[in-house]
Amino acid sequence: TLKWYLLPKPQLDDSQYNVTPFSRYGHTVVVYKRKFYLWGGRNDRPVPCNRLFCFDPKSRQWSLVSIVGDFVPSPRDGHSACVINDRMYIFGGFEDH
């Protein structure tokens, strides 16, 4: 049986405020080690997002993830993503230049 939870939108003085992603579309979410990882997407802002967010369903908390490596994907939406061998891969999508 699945159970839905409504997470309250954090207020400015809440520790979750700066680590909770804004409402968006065109993003991807992958599941890795029982956590959800969200990349990219946009809302009505002119530029898509290039931050990696993590949601832990056990604690119901968001966090920002540091990206390791020589390459950080550019902000994008409309892409695909998957996890293979402990790495998240992002394919295609739309970039603003």
C-alpha atoms as a PDB file:
ATOM      1  CA  THR A   1       0.000   0.000   0.000  1.00  0.00           C
ATOM      2  CA  LEU A   2       1.295   3.427  -0.925  1.00  0.00           C
ATOM      3  CA  LYS A   3       0.724   6.461   1.241  1.00  0.00           C
ATOM      4  CA  TRP A   4       0.775  10.075   0.053  1.00  0.00           C
ATOM      5  CA  TYR A   5       2.202  12.901   2.141  1.00  0.00           C
ATOM      6  CA  LEU A   6       1.783  16.602   1.519  1.00  0.00           C
ATOM      7  CA  LEU A   7       5.041  18.357   2.296  1.00  0.00           C
ATOM      8  CA  PRO A   8       4.506  21.923   3.473  1.00  0.00           C
ATOM      9  CA  LYS A   9       6.168  24.642   1.430  1.00  0.00           C
ATOM     10  CA  PRO A  10       9.086  25.938   3.551  1.00  0.00           C
ATOM     11  CA  GLN A  11       8.971  29.512   4.803  1.00  0.00           C
ATOM     12  CA  LEU A  12      11.899  31.963   4.564  1.00  0.00           C
ATOM     13  CA  ASP A  13      13.072  31.179   8.110  1.00  0.00           C
ATOM     14  CA  ASP A  14      12.896  27.388   7.593  1.00  0.00           C
ATOM     15  CA  SER A  15      16.178  25.454   7.191  1.00  0.00           C
ATOM     16  CA  GLN A  16      14.615  23.665   4.192  1.00  0.00           C
ATOM     17  CA  TYR A  17      13.913  26.919   2.303  1.00  0.00           C
ATOM     18  CA  ASN A  18      17.174  27.088   0.276  1.00  0.00           C
ATOM     19  CA  VAL A  19      17.413  23.343  -0.375  1.00  0.00           C
ATOM     20  CA  THR A  20      13.857  22.716  -1.597  1.00  0.00           C
ATOM     21  CA  PRO A  21      13.471  22.869  -5.387  1.00  0.00           C
ATOM     22  CA  PHE A  22      11.043  25.369  -6.866  1.00  0.00           C
ATOM     23  CA  SER A  23       7.986  24.155  -8.783  1.00  0.00           C
ATOM     24  CA  ARG A  24       9.119  23.027 -12.221  1.00  0.00           C
ATOM     25  CA  TYR A  25       8.529  21.044 -15.377  1.00  0.00           C
ATOM     26  CA  GLY A  26      10.891  19.357 -17.848  1.00  0.00           C
ATOM     27  CA  HIS A  27      13.062  17.911 -15.055  1.00  0.00           C
ATOM     28  CA  THR A  28      14.110  14.328 -14.360  1.00  0.00           C
ATOM     29  CA  VAL A  29      14.043  12.291 -11.169  1.00  0.00           C
ATOM     30  CA  VAL A  30      16.034   9.107 -10.627  1.00  0.00           C
ATOM     31  CA  VAL A  31      16.008   6.751  -7.648  1.00  0.00           C
ATOM     32  CA  TYR A  32      19.345   5.743  -6.161  1.00  0.00           C
ATOM     33  CA  LYS A  33      19.908   3.972  -2.834  1.00  0.00           C
ATOM     34  CA  ARG A  34      16.333   4.671  -1.689  1.00  0.00           C
ATOM     35  CA  LYS A  35      16.570   8.416  -2.346  1.00  0.00           C
ATOM     36  CA  PHE A  36      15.213  10.568  -5.173  1.00  0.00           C
ATOM     37  CA  TYR A  37      17.548  12.811  -7.185  1.00  0.00           C
ATOM     38  CA  LEU A  38      16.107  15.699  -9.193  1.00  0.00           C
ATOM     39  CA  TRP A  39      18.010  17.477 -11.977  1.00  0.00           C
ATOM     40  CA  GLY A  40      17.145  20.383 -14.238  1.00  0.00           C
ATOM     41  CA  GLY A  41      13.785  21.646 -15.338  1.00  0.00           C
ATOM     42  CA  ARG A  42      12.339  25.126 -15.325  1.00  0.00           C
ATOM     43  CA  ASN A  43       9.337  27.166 -14.333  1.00  0.00           C
ATOM     44  CA  ASP A  44       8.543  30.665 -15.559  1.00  0.00           C
ATOM     45  CA  ARG A  45      12.129  31.789 -14.982  1.00  0.00           C
ATOM     46  CA  PRO A  46      14.052  32.405 -18.216  1.00  0.00           C
ATOM     47  CA  VAL A  47      16.857  29.909 -17.459  1.00  0.00           C
ATOM     48  CA  PRO A  48      16.563  26.216 -16.509  1.00  0.00           C
ATOM     49  CA  CYS A  49      18.126  24.888 -13.310  1.00  0.00           C
ATOM     50  CA  ASN A  50      21.473  23.069 -12.994  1.00  0.00           C
ATOM     51  CA  ARG A  51      21.414  22.113  -9.327  1.00  0.00           C
ATOM     52  CA  LEU A  52      21.053  18.535  -8.103  1.00  0.00           C
ATOM     53  CA  PHE A  53      18.501  18.052  -5.332  1.00  0.00           C
ATOM     54  CA  CYS A  54      18.050  14.949  -3.187  1.00  0.00           C
ATOM     55  CA  PHE A  55      14.878  13.925  -1.382  1.00  0.00           C
ATOM     56  CA  ASP A  56      15.057  11.390   1.431  1.00  0.00           C
ATOM     57  CA  PRO A  57      11.578   9.862   1.834  1.00  0.00           C
ATOM     58  CA  LYS A  58      12.488   8.443   5.239  1.00  0.00           C
ATOM     59  CA  SER A  59      13.196  11.860   6.790  1.00  0.00           C
ATOM     60  CA  ARG A  60      11.019  13.757   4.255  1.00  0.00           C
ATOM     61  CA  GLN A  61      13.837  16.281   3.839  1.00  0.00           C
ATOM     62  CA  TRP A  62      15.440  17.872   0.771  1.00  0.00           C
ATOM     63  CA  SER A  63      19.148  18.594   0.386  1.00  0.00           C
ATOM     64  CA  LEU A  64      21.480  19.981  -2.271  1.00  0.00           C
ATOM     65  CA  VAL A  65      24.067  17.555  -3.613  1.00  0.00           C
ATOM     66  CA  SER A  66      27.647  18.555  -4.430  1.00  0.00           C
ATOM     67  CA  ILE A  67      28.587  17.500  -7.939  1.00  0.00           C
ATOM     68  CA  VAL A  68      31.917  15.691  -8.231  1.00  0.00           C
ATOM     69  CA  GLY A  69      34.003  15.546 -11.385  1.00  0.00           C
ATOM     70  CA  ASP A  70      35.445  17.736 -14.091  1.00  0.00           C
ATOM     71  CA  PHE A  71      32.131  18.352 -15.833  1.00  0.00           C
ATOM     72  CA  VAL A  72      28.877  19.832 -14.572  1.00  0.00           C
ATOM     73  CA  PRO A  73      26.010  19.540 -17.066  1.00  0.00           C
ATOM     74  CA  SER A  74      24.629  22.846 -18.251  1.00  0.00           C
ATOM     75  CA  PRO A  75      21.164  23.957 -17.111  1.00  0.00           C
ATOM     76  CA  ARG A  76      18.531  22.116 -19.166  1.00  0.00           C
ATOM     77  CA  ASP A  77      15.007  20.846 -19.420  1.00  0.00           C
ATOM     78  CA  GLY A  78      13.300  18.166 -21.496  1.00  0.00           C
ATOM     79  CA  HIS A  79      16.163  15.705 -20.981  1.00  0.00           C
ATOM     80  CA  SER A  80      16.319  12.062 -19.854  1.00  0.00           C
ATOM     81  CA  ALA A  81      18.364  10.611 -16.999  1.00  0.00           C
ATOM     82  CA  CYS A  82      19.330   7.272 -15.489  1.00  0.00           C
ATOM     83  CA  VAL A  83      21.729   5.813 -12.914  1.00  0.00           C
ATOM     84  CA  ILE A  84      24.224   3.115 -13.921  1.00  0.00           C
ATOM     85  CA  ASN A  85      27.025   1.851 -11.648  1.00  0.00           C
ATOM     86  CA  ASP A  86      26.716   4.661  -9.078  1.00  0.00           C
ATOM     87  CA  ARG A  87      26.695   7.441 -11.702  1.00  0.00           C
ATOM     88  CA  MET A  88      23.864   9.609 -12.936  1.00  0.00           C
ATOM     89  CA  TYR A  89      23.769  10.158 -16.693  1.00  0.00           C
ATOM     90  CA  ILE A  90      21.845  12.991 -18.357  1.00  0.00           C
ATOM     91  CA  PHE A  91      20.903  12.783 -22.033  1.00  0.00           C
ATOM     92  CA  GLY A  92      19.774  15.502 -24.422  1.00  0.00           C
ATOM     93  CA  GLY A  93      17.308  18.180 -23.500  1.00  0.00           C
ATOM     94  CA  PHE A  94      17.205  21.880 -24.214  1.00  0.00           C
ATOM     95  CA  GLU A  95      19.851  24.387 -23.151  1.00  0.00           C
ATOM     96  CA  ASP A  96      19.558  28.169 -23.175  1.00  0.00           C
ATOM     97  CA  HIS A  97      22.545  30.072 -24.540  1.00  0.00           C
END
